[in-house]
Amino acid sequence: MLPKIILYEDLPTDLYAHLEQRSDLSLLDSFASVPRSDLHSMLSSAVGLIGVGEKVDQEMLDQAPGLKVISTVSVGYDYFDVADLTRRGIMLMHTPNVLTDTTADMIFMLILCAARRAIEVNEMVRQGKWLETIGLDWYGSDVHGKKLGILGMGRIGYAVAKRAYGGFNMEILYYGRSVNEQAESEFKAQRLSLDQLLAESDFVCVTLPLSGKTRKLIGRRELALMKPGAFLINGGRGPIIDEAALIEALQKGVIRGAGLDVYEQEPLPLDSPLLSIANVVTLPHIGSATMETRYAMARCAVDNLLAALESQSLVNCVNPEALQHVSTK
């Protein structure tokens, strides 16, 4: 008998066919697209869920006594209560490795666009305002040779440091829970306290995951420690930065500019002041949004799900300790 799996995300045709061959598959546009009673009926026999961008709440989990695995098509998993899943014996799988370089490329693009004011000058040209050689009012800032402070020297932080050090001769500073010996050896990276990093960096780049300790890590006090000519780049999670404090800092000239791919609320509300501040680059959460990487993420998520259900591998399992609770289900 094939395992009952609920898919709540579009997959490439070949991956959908592969999953359909290996399971009794139900496809939903979203959890909200079906009546709650129908969803509960589907969950009652489900052993696996796969998708992204939907909160799996406690009420849903209560209706899924046989659920063994949730596979999210993402590296982040802040939509899930990991402790609750572990207690229930439900494994949570994610895709941590396949998007590293693509996300690092995007983060460095934010650094360059913010520093050289690429979006602003592009709009100036498109609006027919480029009538003479640009003057001081349109000058940007150099990137090469500057100090880059990275919050979180994990896979993505390391990849950003590699680009900065090897391609732009930047001095690498970082803040993290532990020493990254490889970054220190290869890039001469220096591990500093958060306050030291903020005070010394020309560019502060957030690559941290969201947690209780990192939520609103960067607020009014932290922004005030930054150089007046510095830029804040966020390619991690939106709530790591206190958005109201950032808006105030940008409006008052506390820092020079920002490059953002993530926000406290997504999509970014149309009335957000961030959209009316000239020295801010606002991207629509495109860190991993390339054809190649999104396919690789979907492939990884499908493989993660099937491997976990078939007890083959837990390589990308967020909470392998959940297996200790399986016998109590």
C-alpha atoms as a PDB file:
ATOM      1  CA  MET A   1       0.000   0.000   0.000  1.00  0.00           C
ATOM      2  CA  LEU A   2       1.416   3.353  -1.051  1.00  0.00           C
ATOM      3  CA  PRO A   3       1.947   6.016   1.625  1.00  0.00           C
ATOM      4  CA  LYS A   4      -0.625   8.821   1.721  1.00  0.00           C
ATOM      5  CA  ILE A   5       1.088  12.154   0.996  1.00  0.00           C
ATOM      6  CA  ILE A   6      -0.377  15.658   0.774  1.00  0.00           C
ATOM      7  CA  LEU A   7       1.372  18.062  -1.583  1.00  0.00           C
ATOM      8  CA  TYR A   8       0.671  21.778  -1.097  1.00  0.00           C
ATOM      9  CA  GLU A   9       3.113  23.244  -3.617  1.00  0.00           C
ATOM     10  CA  ASP A  10       3.426  23.015  -7.393  1.00  0.00           C
ATOM     11  CA  LEU A  11       6.247  20.728  -8.466  1.00  0.00           C
ATOM     12  CA  PRO A  12       7.999  20.383 -11.829  1.00  0.00           C
ATOM     13  CA  THR A  13       6.189  17.802 -13.967  1.00  0.00           C
ATOM     14  CA  ASP A  14       8.867  15.118 -13.695  1.00  0.00           C
ATOM     15  CA  LEU A  15       9.129  15.441  -9.908  1.00  0.00           C
ATOM     16  CA  TYR A  16       5.358  15.342  -9.533  1.00  0.00           C
ATOM     17  CA  ALA A  17       5.246  12.167 -11.630  1.00  0.00           C
ATOM     18  CA  HIS A  18       8.036  10.624  -9.574  1.00  0.00           C
ATOM     19  CA  LEU A  19       6.252  11.374  -6.316  1.00  0.00           C
ATOM     20  CA  GLU A  20       2.911  10.188  -7.711  1.00  0.00           C
ATOM     21  CA  GLN A  21       4.444   6.821  -8.636  1.00  0.00           C
ATOM     22  CA  ARG A  22       5.770   6.327  -5.109  1.00  0.00           C
ATOM     23  CA  SER A  23       2.768   7.493  -3.114  1.00  0.00           C
ATOM     24  CA  ASP A  24      -0.985   7.995  -2.868  1.00  0.00           C
ATOM     25  CA  LEU A  25      -0.729  11.690  -3.636  1.00  0.00           C
ATOM     26  CA  SER A  26      -3.220  14.483  -2.973  1.00  0.00           C
ATOM     27  CA  LEU A  27      -2.518  17.950  -4.404  1.00  0.00           C
ATOM     28  CA  LEU A  28      -3.787  21.154  -2.777  1.00  0.00           C
ATOM     29  CA  ASP A  29      -3.350  24.744  -3.936  1.00  0.00           C
ATOM     30  CA  SER A  30      -3.125  25.628  -0.237  1.00  0.00           C
ATOM     31  CA  PHE A  31      -4.554  24.433   3.060  1.00  0.00           C
ATOM     32  CA  ALA A  32      -7.134  27.217   2.871  1.00  0.00           C
ATOM     33  CA  SER A  33      -8.287  26.073  -0.587  1.00  0.00           C
ATOM     34  CA  VAL A  34     -10.313  23.177   0.834  1.00  0.00           C
ATOM     35  CA  PRO A  35     -12.943  23.159   3.589  1.00  0.00           C
ATOM     36  CA  ARG A  36     -11.436  22.499   7.003  1.00  0.00           C
ATOM     37  CA  SER A  37     -13.496  19.333   7.399  1.00  0.00           C
ATOM     38  CA  ASP A  38     -12.148  17.958   4.103  1.00  0.00           C
ATOM     39  CA  LEU A  39      -8.615  18.849   5.102  1.00  0.00           C
ATOM     40  CA  HIS A  40      -9.034  17.052   8.412  1.00  0.00           C
ATOM     41  CA  SER A  41     -10.282  13.988   6.552  1.00  0.00           C
ATOM     42  CA  MET A  42      -7.218  14.008   4.318  1.00  0.00           C
ATOM     43  CA  LEU A  43      -4.891  14.511   7.256  1.00  0.00           C
ATOM     44  CA  SER A  44      -6.393  11.596   9.149  1.00  0.00           C
ATOM     45  CA  SER A  45      -4.639   9.114   6.868  1.00  0.00           C
ATOM     46  CA  ALA A  46      -1.593  11.153   5.791  1.00  0.00           C
ATOM     47  CA  VAL A  47       1.932  10.017   6.606  1.00  0.00           C
ATOM     48  CA  GLY A  48       3.723  12.812   4.758  1.00  0.00           C
ATOM     49  CA  LEU A  49       3.360  16.495   3.856  1.00  0.00           C
ATOM     50  CA  ILE A  50       5.435  18.391   1.307  1.00  0.00           C
ATOM     51  CA  GLY A  51       5.277  22.056   0.345  1.00  0.00           C
ATOM     52  CA  VAL A  52       6.356  25.539   1.384  1.00  0.00           C
ATOM     53  CA  GLY A  53       4.982  28.788   2.773  1.00  0.00           C
ATOM     54  CA  GLU A  54       2.093  27.335   4.795  1.00  0.00           C
ATOM     55  CA  LYS A  55       1.808  27.093   8.568  1.00  0.00           C
ATOM     56  CA  VAL A  56       1.042  23.602   9.833  1.00  0.00           C
ATOM     57  CA  ASP A  57      -0.785  24.393  13.055  1.00  0.00           C
ATOM     58  CA  GLN A  58      -1.499  22.254  16.116  1.00  0.00           C
ATOM     59  CA  GLU A  59      -5.113  21.688  15.107  1.00  0.00           C
ATOM     60  CA  MET A  60      -3.952  20.166  11.826  1.00  0.00           C
ATOM     61  CA  LEU A  61      -1.374  18.006  13.556  1.00  0.00           C
ATOM     62  CA  ASP A  62      -4.011  16.772  16.000  1.00  0.00           C
ATOM     63  CA  GLN A  63      -5.960  15.509  12.985  1.00  0.00           C
ATOM     64  CA  ALA A  64      -2.944  13.623  11.591  1.00  0.00           C
ATOM     65  CA  PRO A  65      -2.129  10.815  14.033  1.00  0.00           C
ATOM     66  CA  GLY A  66      -0.148   8.871  11.440  1.00  0.00           C
ATOM     67  CA  LEU A  67       1.973  11.757  10.174  1.00  0.00           C
ATOM     68  CA  LYS A  68       5.651  10.821  10.071  1.00  0.00           C
ATOM     69  CA  VAL A  69       7.384  13.390   7.887  1.00  0.00           C
ATOM     70  CA  ILE A  70       6.993  17.005   6.767  1.00  0.00           C
ATOM     71  CA  SER A  71       9.293  18.049   3.936  1.00  0.00           C
ATOM     72  CA  THR A  72       9.562  21.800   3.388  1.00  0.00           C
ATOM     73  CA  VAL A  73      10.840  23.095   0.043  1.00  0.00           C
ATOM     74  CA  SER A  74      13.050  25.630   1.785  1.00  0.00           C
ATOM     75  CA  VAL A  75      16.085  25.963   3.986  1.00  0.00           C
ATOM     76  CA  GLY A  76      14.174  27.992   6.593  1.00  0.00           C
ATOM     77  CA  TYR A  77      11.638  26.337   8.870  1.00  0.00           C
ATOM     78  CA  ASP A  78      10.286  29.156  11.035  1.00  0.00           C
ATOM     79  CA  TYR A  79       6.751  28.207   9.933  1.00  0.00           C
ATOM     80  CA  PHE A  80       7.044  25.131  12.163  1.00  0.00           C
ATOM     81  CA  ASP A  81       7.103  24.480  15.895  1.00  0.00           C
ATOM     82  CA  VAL A  82      10.048  22.107  15.844  1.00  0.00           C
ATOM     83  CA  ALA A  83       9.734  21.143  19.522  1.00  0.00           C
ATOM     84  CA  ASP A  84       6.092  20.176  19.020  1.00  0.00           C
ATOM     85  CA  LEU A  85       6.907  18.149  15.911  1.00  0.00           C
ATOM     86  CA  THR A  86       9.670  16.360  17.803  1.00  0.00           C
ATOM     87  CA  ARG A  87       7.336  15.562  20.696  1.00  0.00           C
ATOM     88  CA  ARG A  88       4.859  14.099  18.218  1.00  0.00           C
ATOM     89  CA  GLY A  89       7.563  12.000  16.524  1.00  0.00           C
ATOM     90  CA  ILE A  90       7.263  13.909  13.237  1.00  0.00           C
ATOM     91  CA  MET A  91      10.475  14.438  11.276  1.00  0.00           C
ATOM     92  CA  LEU A  92      10.962  17.836   9.613  1.00  0.00           C
ATOM     93  CA  MET A  93      13.096  17.816   6.477  1.00  0.00           C
ATOM     94  CA  HIS A  94      14.498  20.887   4.703  1.00  0.00           C
ATOM     95  CA  THR A  95      16.826  21.822   1.809  1.00  0.00           C
ATOM     96  CA  PRO A  96      19.873  23.512   3.369  1.00  0.00           C
ATOM     97  CA  ASN A  97      22.614  23.005   0.782  1.00  0.00           C
ATOM     98  CA  VAL A  98      21.205  23.505  -2.698  1.00  0.00           C
ATOM     99  CA  LEU A  99      20.529  27.254  -2.460  1.00  0.00           C
ATOM    100  CA  THR A 100      23.742  28.460  -0.823  1.00  0.00           C
ATOM    101  CA  ASP A 101      25.543  29.891  -3.833  1.00  0.00           C
ATOM    102  CA  THR A 102      22.425  31.323  -5.463  1.00  0.00           C
ATOM    103  CA  THR A 103      21.481  33.144  -2.269  1.00  0.00           C
ATOM    104  CA  ALA A 104      25.039  34.405  -1.809  1.00  0.00           C
ATOM    105  CA  ASP A 105      24.965  35.765  -5.382  1.00  0.00           C
ATOM    106  CA  MET A 106      21.757  37.637  -4.609  1.00  0.00           C
ATOM    107  CA  ILE A 107      23.139  39.057  -1.361  1.00  0.00           C
ATOM    108  CA  PHE A 108      26.199  40.352  -3.137  1.00  0.00           C
ATOM    109  CA  MET A 109      23.963  41.855  -5.796  1.00  0.00           C
ATOM    110  CA  LEU A 110      22.172  43.729  -2.994  1.00  0.00           C
ATOM    111  CA  ILE A 111      25.501  45.005  -1.705  1.00  0.00           C
ATOM    112  CA  LEU A 112      26.480  46.293  -5.142  1.00  0.00           C
ATOM    113  CA  CYS A 113      23.067  47.727  -5.996  1.00  0.00           C
ATOM    114  CA  ALA A 114      22.781  49.556  -2.678  1.00  0.00           C
ATOM    115  CA  ALA A 115      26.326  50.900  -2.780  1.00  0.00           C
ATOM    116  CA  ARG A 116      26.274  52.057  -6.400  1.00  0.00           C
ATOM    117  CA  ARG A 117      22.622  53.199  -6.211  1.00  0.00           C
ATOM    118  CA  ALA A 118      21.838  51.028  -9.230  1.00  0.00           C
ATOM    119  CA  ILE A 119      18.055  51.078  -8.807  1.00  0.00           C
ATOM    120  CA  GLU A 120      17.944  54.840  -8.304  1.00  0.00           C
ATOM    121  CA  VAL A 121      20.063  55.676 -11.345  1.00  0.00           C
ATOM    122  CA  ASN A 122      18.228  53.130 -13.477  1.00  0.00           C
ATOM    123  CA  GLU A 123      14.954  54.909 -12.675  1.00  0.00           C
ATOM    124  CA  MET A 124      16.563  58.271 -13.381  1.00  0.00           C
ATOM    125  CA  VAL A 125      17.519  57.111 -16.880  1.00  0.00           C
ATOM    126  CA  ARG A 126      14.130  55.501 -17.560  1.00  0.00           C
ATOM    127  CA  GLN A 127      12.331  58.674 -16.511  1.00  0.00           C
ATOM    128  CA  GLY A 128      14.310  60.715 -19.023  1.00  0.00           C
ATOM    129  CA  LYS A 129      16.215  62.656 -16.363  1.00  0.00           C
ATOM    130  CA  TRP A 130      19.705  61.795 -17.607  1.00  0.00           C
ATOM    131  CA  LEU A 131      20.338  65.016 -19.486  1.00  0.00           C
ATOM    132  CA  GLU A 132      23.983  65.615 -18.623  1.00  0.00           C
ATOM    133  CA  THR A 133      26.956  63.988 -16.927  1.00  0.00           C
ATOM    134  CA  ILE A 134      25.852  62.971 -13.446  1.00  0.00           C
ATOM    135  CA  GLY A 135      27.089  65.037 -10.553  1.00  0.00           C
ATOM    136  CA  LEU A 136      27.893  64.530  -6.897  1.00  0.00           C
ATOM    137  CA  ASP A 137      24.238  64.038  -5.955  1.00  0.00           C
ATOM    138  CA  TRP A 138      24.186  60.717  -7.815  1.00  0.00           C
ATOM    139  CA  TYR A 139      27.529  59.305  -6.680  1.00  0.00           C
ATOM    140  CA  GLY A 140      27.562  55.939  -4.952  1.00  0.00           C
ATOM    141  CA  SER A 141      30.075  54.210  -2.694  1.00  0.00           C
ATOM    142  CA  ASP A 142      32.922  51.842  -3.470  1.00  0.00           C
ATOM    143  CA  VAL A 143      32.630  48.213  -2.442  1.00  0.00           C
ATOM    144  CA  HIS A 144      36.152  46.942  -3.092  1.00  0.00           C
ATOM    145  CA  GLY A 145      38.534  47.213  -0.184  1.00  0.00           C
ATOM    146  CA  LYS A 146      35.792  47.967   2.361  1.00  0.00           C
ATOM    147  CA  LYS A 147      34.938  46.136   5.586  1.00  0.00           C
ATOM    148  CA  LEU A 148      32.129  43.599   5.344  1.00  0.00           C
ATOM    149  CA  GLY A 149      30.520  42.498   8.605  1.00  0.00           C
ATOM    150  CA  ILE A 150      28.595  39.234   8.297  1.00  0.00           C
ATOM    151  CA  LEU A 151      26.049  38.248  10.924  1.00  0.00           C
ATOM    152  CA  GLY A 152      26.085  34.464  10.825  1.00  0.00           C
ATOM    153  CA  MET A 153      29.102  32.671   9.336  1.00  0.00           C
ATOM    154  CA  GLY A 154      27.223  29.559   8.239  1.00  0.00           C
ATOM    155  CA  ARG A 155      27.019  28.183   4.697  1.00  0.00           C
ATOM    156  CA  ILE A 156      25.570  31.352   3.162  1.00  0.00           C
ATOM    157  CA  GLY A 157      27.692  33.726   5.221  1.00  0.00           C
ATOM    158  CA  TYR A 158      30.792  31.806   4.204  1.00  0.00           C
ATOM    159  CA  ALA A 159      29.774  31.942   0.526  1.00  0.00           C
ATOM    160  CA  VAL A 160      29.264  35.721   0.758  1.00  0.00           C
ATOM    161  CA  ALA A 161      32.659  36.103   2.438  1.00  0.00           C
ATOM    162  CA  LYS A 162      34.274  34.072  -0.341  1.00  0.00           C
ATOM    163  CA  ARG A 163      32.903  36.454  -2.976  1.00  0.00           C
ATOM    164  CA  ALA A 164      33.816  39.545  -0.982  1.00  0.00           C
ATOM    165  CA  TYR A 165      37.354  38.507  -0.115  1.00  0.00           C
ATOM    166  CA  GLY A 166      38.353  36.841  -3.379  1.00  0.00           C
ATOM    167  CA  GLY A 167      36.549  39.158  -5.778  1.00  0.00           C
ATOM    168  CA  PHE A 168      36.496  42.531  -4.025  1.00  0.00           C
ATOM    169  CA  ASN A 169      39.441  42.417  -1.611  1.00  0.00           C
ATOM    170  CA  MET A 170      37.135  43.178   1.308  1.00  0.00           C
ATOM    171  CA  GLU A 171      38.117  42.792   4.949  1.00  0.00           C
ATOM    172  CA  ILE A 172      35.847  40.169   6.517  1.00  0.00           C
ATOM    173  CA  LEU A 173      34.401  40.570  10.010  1.00  0.00           C
ATOM    174  CA  TYR A 174      31.812  38.203  11.431  1.00  0.00           C
ATOM    175  CA  TYR A 175      29.534  37.641  14.385  1.00  0.00           C
ATOM    176  CA  GLY A 176      28.386  34.136  15.246  1.00  0.00           C
ATOM    177  CA  ARG A 177      27.850  31.580  17.961  1.00  0.00           C
ATOM    178  CA  SER A 178      31.102  29.790  17.211  1.00  0.00           C
ATOM    179  CA  VAL A 179      34.446  30.278  15.523  1.00  0.00           C
ATOM    180  CA  ASN A 180      34.572  29.479  11.808  1.00  0.00           C
ATOM    181  CA  GLU A 181      38.152  28.333  11.468  1.00  0.00           C
ATOM    182  CA  GLN A 182      37.876  27.841   7.719  1.00  0.00           C
ATOM    183  CA  ALA A 183      36.729  31.434   7.157  1.00  0.00           C
ATOM    184  CA  GLU A 184      39.469  32.732   9.443  1.00  0.00           C
ATOM    185  CA  SER A 185      42.094  30.698   7.603  1.00  0.00           C
ATOM    186  CA  GLU A 186      40.959  31.332   4.025  1.00  0.00           C
ATOM    187  CA  PHE A 187      39.641  34.902   4.283  1.00  0.00           C
ATOM    188  CA  LYS A 188      41.496  36.206   7.357  1.00  0.00           C
ATOM    189  CA  ALA A 189      38.038  36.721   8.861  1.00  0.00           C
ATOM    190  CA  GLN A 190      37.865  38.227  12.352  1.00  0.00           C
ATOM    191  CA  ARG A 191      35.198  37.172  14.839  1.00  0.00           C
ATOM    192  CA  LEU A 192      33.918  40.170  16.783  1.00  0.00           C
ATOM    193  CA  SER A 193      31.169  41.018  19.210  1.00  0.00           C
ATOM    194  CA  LEU A 194      27.996  42.359  17.613  1.00  0.00           C
ATOM    195  CA  ASP A 195      28.689  45.907  18.802  1.00  0.00           C
ATOM    196  CA  GLN A 196      32.269  45.850  17.493  1.00  0.00           C
ATOM    197  CA  LEU A 197      31.179  44.533  14.115  1.00  0.00           C
ATOM    198  CA  LEU A 198      28.471  47.168  13.736  1.00  0.00           C
ATOM    199  CA  ALA A 199      30.845  49.988  14.635  1.00  0.00           C
ATOM    200  CA  GLU A 200      33.612  48.910  12.253  1.00  0.00           C
ATOM    201  CA  SER A 201      31.769  47.600   9.157  1.00  0.00           C
ATOM    202  CA  ASP A 202      31.049  49.542   5.981  1.00  0.00           C
ATOM    203  CA  PHE A 203      28.486  46.892   5.030  1.00  0.00           C
ATOM    204  CA  VAL A 204      26.566  44.820   7.580  1.00  0.00           C
ATOM    205  CA  CYS A 205      25.108  41.687   6.038  1.00  0.00           C
ATOM    206  CA  VAL A 206      22.488  39.534   7.802  1.00  0.00           C
ATOM    207  CA  THR A 207      22.536  35.818   6.926  1.00  0.00           C
ATOM    208  CA  LEU A 208      21.222  34.475  10.247  1.00  0.00           C
ATOM    209  CA  PRO A 209      18.206  32.180  10.638  1.00  0.00           C
ATOM    210  CA  LEU A 210      15.254  33.439  12.664  1.00  0.00           C
ATOM    211  CA  SER A 211      15.034  32.319  16.284  1.00  0.00           C
ATOM    212  CA  GLY A 212      14.059  33.700  19.650  1.00  0.00           C
ATOM    213  CA  LYS A 213      17.594  35.032  20.047  1.00  0.00           C
ATOM    214  CA  THR A 214      17.859  36.648  16.618  1.00  0.00           C
ATOM    215  CA  ARG A 215      14.376  38.213  16.386  1.00  0.00           C
ATOM    216  CA  LYS A 216      14.852  42.017  16.292  1.00  0.00           C
ATOM    217  CA  LEU A 217      18.559  41.540  16.885  1.00  0.00           C
ATOM    218  CA  ILE A 218      19.117  44.771  14.983  1.00  0.00           C
ATOM    219  CA  GLY A 219      17.114  47.605  16.526  1.00  0.00           C
ATOM    220  CA  ARG A 220      17.473  51.315  17.206  1.00  0.00           C
ATOM    221  CA  ARG A 221      20.471  50.893  19.528  1.00  0.00           C
ATOM    222  CA  GLU A 222      22.330  48.650  17.089  1.00  0.00           C
ATOM    223  CA  LEU A 223      21.634  50.875  14.091  1.00  0.00           C
ATOM    224  CA  ALA A 224      23.013  53.854  16.018  1.00  0.00           C
ATOM    225  CA  LEU A 225      26.312  51.993  16.409  1.00  0.00           C
ATOM    226  CA  MET A 226      26.791  51.749  12.639  1.00  0.00           C
ATOM    227  CA  LYS A 227      28.837  54.212  10.595  1.00  0.00           C
ATOM    228  CA  PRO A 228      26.818  57.041   9.018  1.00  0.00           C
ATOM    229  CA  GLY A 229      28.053  55.887   5.610  1.00  0.00           C
ATOM    230  CA  ALA A 230      27.311  52.203   6.196  1.00  0.00           C
ATOM    231  CA  PHE A 231      24.770  49.961   4.484  1.00  0.00           C
ATOM    232  CA  LEU A 232      22.589  47.277   6.055  1.00  0.00           C
ATOM    233  CA  ILE A 233      21.913  44.203   3.909  1.00  0.00           C
ATOM    234  CA  ASN A 234      19.338  41.568   4.878  1.00  0.00           C
ATOM    235  CA  GLY A 235      19.323  38.229   3.097  1.00  0.00           C
ATOM    236  CA  GLY A 236      18.386  36.218   6.196  1.00  0.00           C
ATOM    237  CA  ARG A 237      14.936  36.709   7.708  1.00  0.00           C
ATOM    238  CA  GLY A 238      12.914  39.919   7.916  1.00  0.00           C
ATOM    239  CA  PRO A 239      12.091  39.919  11.648  1.00  0.00           C
ATOM    240  CA  ILE A 240      15.800  39.875  12.539  1.00  0.00           C
ATOM    241  CA  ILE A 241      15.699  43.629  11.899  1.00  0.00           C
ATOM    242  CA  ASP A 242      13.296  45.929  13.710  1.00  0.00           C
ATOM    243  CA  GLU A 243      11.736  47.412  10.579  1.00  0.00           C
ATOM    244  CA  ALA A 244      10.343  50.517  12.279  1.00  0.00           C
ATOM    245  CA  ALA A 245      13.787  51.290  13.696  1.00  0.00           C
ATOM    246  CA  LEU A 246      15.379  50.752  10.280  1.00  0.00           C
ATOM    247  CA  ILE A 247      12.905  53.094   8.587  1.00  0.00           C
ATOM    248  CA  GLU A 248      13.640  55.760  11.186  1.00  0.00           C
ATOM    249  CA  ALA A 249      17.392  55.307  10.775  1.00  0.00           C
ATOM    250  CA  LEU A 250      17.167  55.635   7.003  1.00  0.00           C
ATOM    251  CA  GLN A 251      14.928  58.682   7.148  1.00  0.00           C
ATOM    252  CA  LYS A 252      17.210  60.420   9.650  1.00  0.00           C
ATOM    253  CA  GLY A 253      20.436  59.506   7.853  1.00  0.00           C
ATOM    254  CA  VAL A 254      21.746  57.349  10.693  1.00  0.00           C
ATOM    255  CA  ILE A 255      23.003  54.945   7.990  1.00  0.00           C
ATOM    256  CA  ARG A 256      23.472  55.573   4.281  1.00  0.00           C
ATOM    257  CA  GLY A 257      21.253  52.870   2.824  1.00  0.00           C
ATOM    258  CA  ALA A 258      19.916  49.343   2.868  1.00  0.00           C
ATOM    259  CA  GLY A 259      19.440  46.342   0.599  1.00  0.00           C
ATOM    260  CA  LEU A 260      16.539  44.092   1.586  1.00  0.00           C
ATOM    261  CA  ASP A 261      15.212  40.803   0.262  1.00  0.00           C
ATOM    262  CA  VAL A 262      13.150  39.896   3.334  1.00  0.00           C
ATOM    263  CA  TYR A 263      10.721  41.792   5.567  1.00  0.00           C
ATOM    264  CA  GLU A 264       8.701  41.522   8.772  1.00  0.00           C
ATOM    265  CA  GLN A 265       5.561  41.110   6.649  1.00  0.00           C
ATOM    266  CA  GLU A 266       5.627  39.489   3.216  1.00  0.00           C
ATOM    267  CA  PRO A 267       4.606  40.526   0.647  1.00  0.00           C
ATOM    268  CA  LEU A 268       5.737  43.985   1.684  1.00  0.00           C
ATOM    269  CA  PRO A 269       2.644  46.190   2.234  1.00  0.00           C
ATOM    270  CA  LEU A 270       2.131  48.815  -0.463  1.00  0.00           C
ATOM    271  CA  ASP A 271       2.026  51.538   2.185  1.00  0.00           C
ATOM    272  CA  SER A 272       5.383  50.574   3.689  1.00  0.00           C
ATOM    273  CA  PRO A 273       7.654  53.631   4.082  1.00  0.00           C
ATOM    274  CA  LEU A 274      10.489  51.483   2.747  1.00  0.00           C
ATOM    275  CA  LEU A 275       9.007  51.907  -0.736  1.00  0.00           C
ATOM    276  CA  SER A 276       9.318  55.676  -0.598  1.00  0.00           C
ATOM    277  CA  ILE A 277      12.873  55.875   0.718  1.00  0.00           C
ATOM    278  CA  ALA A 278      15.266  56.400  -2.180  1.00  0.00           C
ATOM    279  CA  ASN A 279      18.335  54.760  -0.655  1.00  0.00           C
ATOM    280  CA  VAL A 280      16.713  51.352  -0.152  1.00  0.00           C
ATOM    281  CA  VAL A 281      16.811  48.406  -2.563  1.00  0.00           C
ATOM    282  CA  THR A 282      13.680  46.279  -2.071  1.00  0.00           C
ATOM    283  CA  LEU A 283      13.569  42.812  -3.616  1.00  0.00           C
ATOM    284  CA  PRO A 284      10.612  40.383  -3.341  1.00  0.00           C
ATOM    285  CA  HIS A 285      12.344  37.558  -1.412  1.00  0.00           C
ATOM    286  CA  ILE A 286      14.221  36.169  -4.421  1.00  0.00           C
ATOM    287  CA  GLY A 287      17.206  34.675  -2.596  1.00  0.00           C
ATOM    288  CA  SER A 288      16.808  31.256  -4.200  1.00  0.00           C
ATOM    289  CA  ALA A 289      14.632  32.307  -7.141  1.00  0.00           C
ATOM    290  CA  THR A 290      16.449  30.920 -10.140  1.00  0.00           C
ATOM    291  CA  MET A 291      15.135  28.148 -12.359  1.00  0.00           C
ATOM    292  CA  GLU A 292      18.062  25.889 -11.546  1.00  0.00           C
ATOM    293  CA  THR A 293      17.999  26.355  -7.783  1.00  0.00           C
ATOM    294  CA  ARG A 294      14.234  26.122  -7.344  1.00  0.00           C
ATOM    295  CA  TYR A 295      14.260  22.846  -9.291  1.00  0.00           C
ATOM    296  CA  ALA A 296      17.110  21.546  -7.151  1.00  0.00           C
ATOM    297  CA  MET A 297      15.207  22.516  -3.990  1.00  0.00           C
ATOM    298  CA  ALA A 298      12.083  20.696  -5.156  1.00  0.00           C
ATOM    299  CA  ARG A 299      14.141  17.638  -6.102  1.00  0.00           C
ATOM    300  CA  CYS A 300      15.836  17.677  -2.713  1.00  0.00           C
ATOM    301  CA  ALA A 301      12.509  18.027  -0.856  1.00  0.00           C
ATOM    302  CA  VAL A 302      10.977  15.086  -2.732  1.00  0.00           C
ATOM    303  CA  ASP A 303      14.054  12.952  -2.118  1.00  0.00           C
ATOM    304  CA  ASN A 304      14.092  13.980   1.554  1.00  0.00           C
ATOM    305  CA  LEU A 305      10.464  12.952   1.998  1.00  0.00           C
ATOM    306  CA  LEU A 306      10.768   9.582   0.317  1.00  0.00           C
ATOM    307  CA  ALA A 307      14.072   8.754   2.016  1.00  0.00           C
ATOM    308  CA  ALA A 308      12.654   9.565   5.450  1.00  0.00           C
ATOM    309  CA  LEU A 309       9.484   7.537   4.839  1.00  0.00           C
ATOM    310  CA  GLU A 310      11.524   4.596   3.609  1.00  0.00           C
ATOM    311  CA  SER A 311      14.062   4.938   6.465  1.00  0.00           C
ATOM    312  CA  GLN A 312      16.918   5.426   4.005  1.00  0.00           C
ATOM    313  CA  SER A 313      18.387   8.743   5.076  1.00  0.00           C
ATOM    314  CA  LEU A 314      17.925  11.644   7.479  1.00  0.00           C
ATOM    315  CA  VAL A 315      20.675  13.797   5.992  1.00  0.00           C
ATOM    316  CA  ASN A 316      18.528  16.931   5.861  1.00  0.00           C
ATOM    317  CA  CYS A 317      16.461  16.329   8.982  1.00  0.00           C
ATOM    318  CA  VAL A 318      16.019  19.306  11.297  1.00  0.00           C
ATOM    319  CA  ASN A 319      15.026  17.132  14.271  1.00  0.00           C
ATOM    320  CA  PRO A 320      16.419  13.582  14.033  1.00  0.00           C
ATOM    321  CA  GLU A 321      15.626  13.182  17.734  1.00  0.00           C
ATOM    322  CA  ALA A 322      11.971  12.873  16.661  1.00  0.00           C
ATOM    323  CA  LEU A 323      12.714   9.234  15.903  1.00  0.00           C
ATOM    324  CA  GLN A 324      12.972   8.630  19.658  1.00  0.00           C
ATOM    325  CA  HIS A 325       9.294   9.561  19.972  1.00  0.00           C
ATOM    326  CA  VAL A 326       7.984   7.507  17.043  1.00  0.00           C
ATOM    327  CA  SER A 327       7.295   4.421  19.153  1.00  0.00           C
ATOM    328  CA  THR A 328       4.947   6.421  21.393  1.00  0.00           C
ATOM    329  CA  LYS A 329       2.670   7.511  18.513  1.00  0.00           C
END
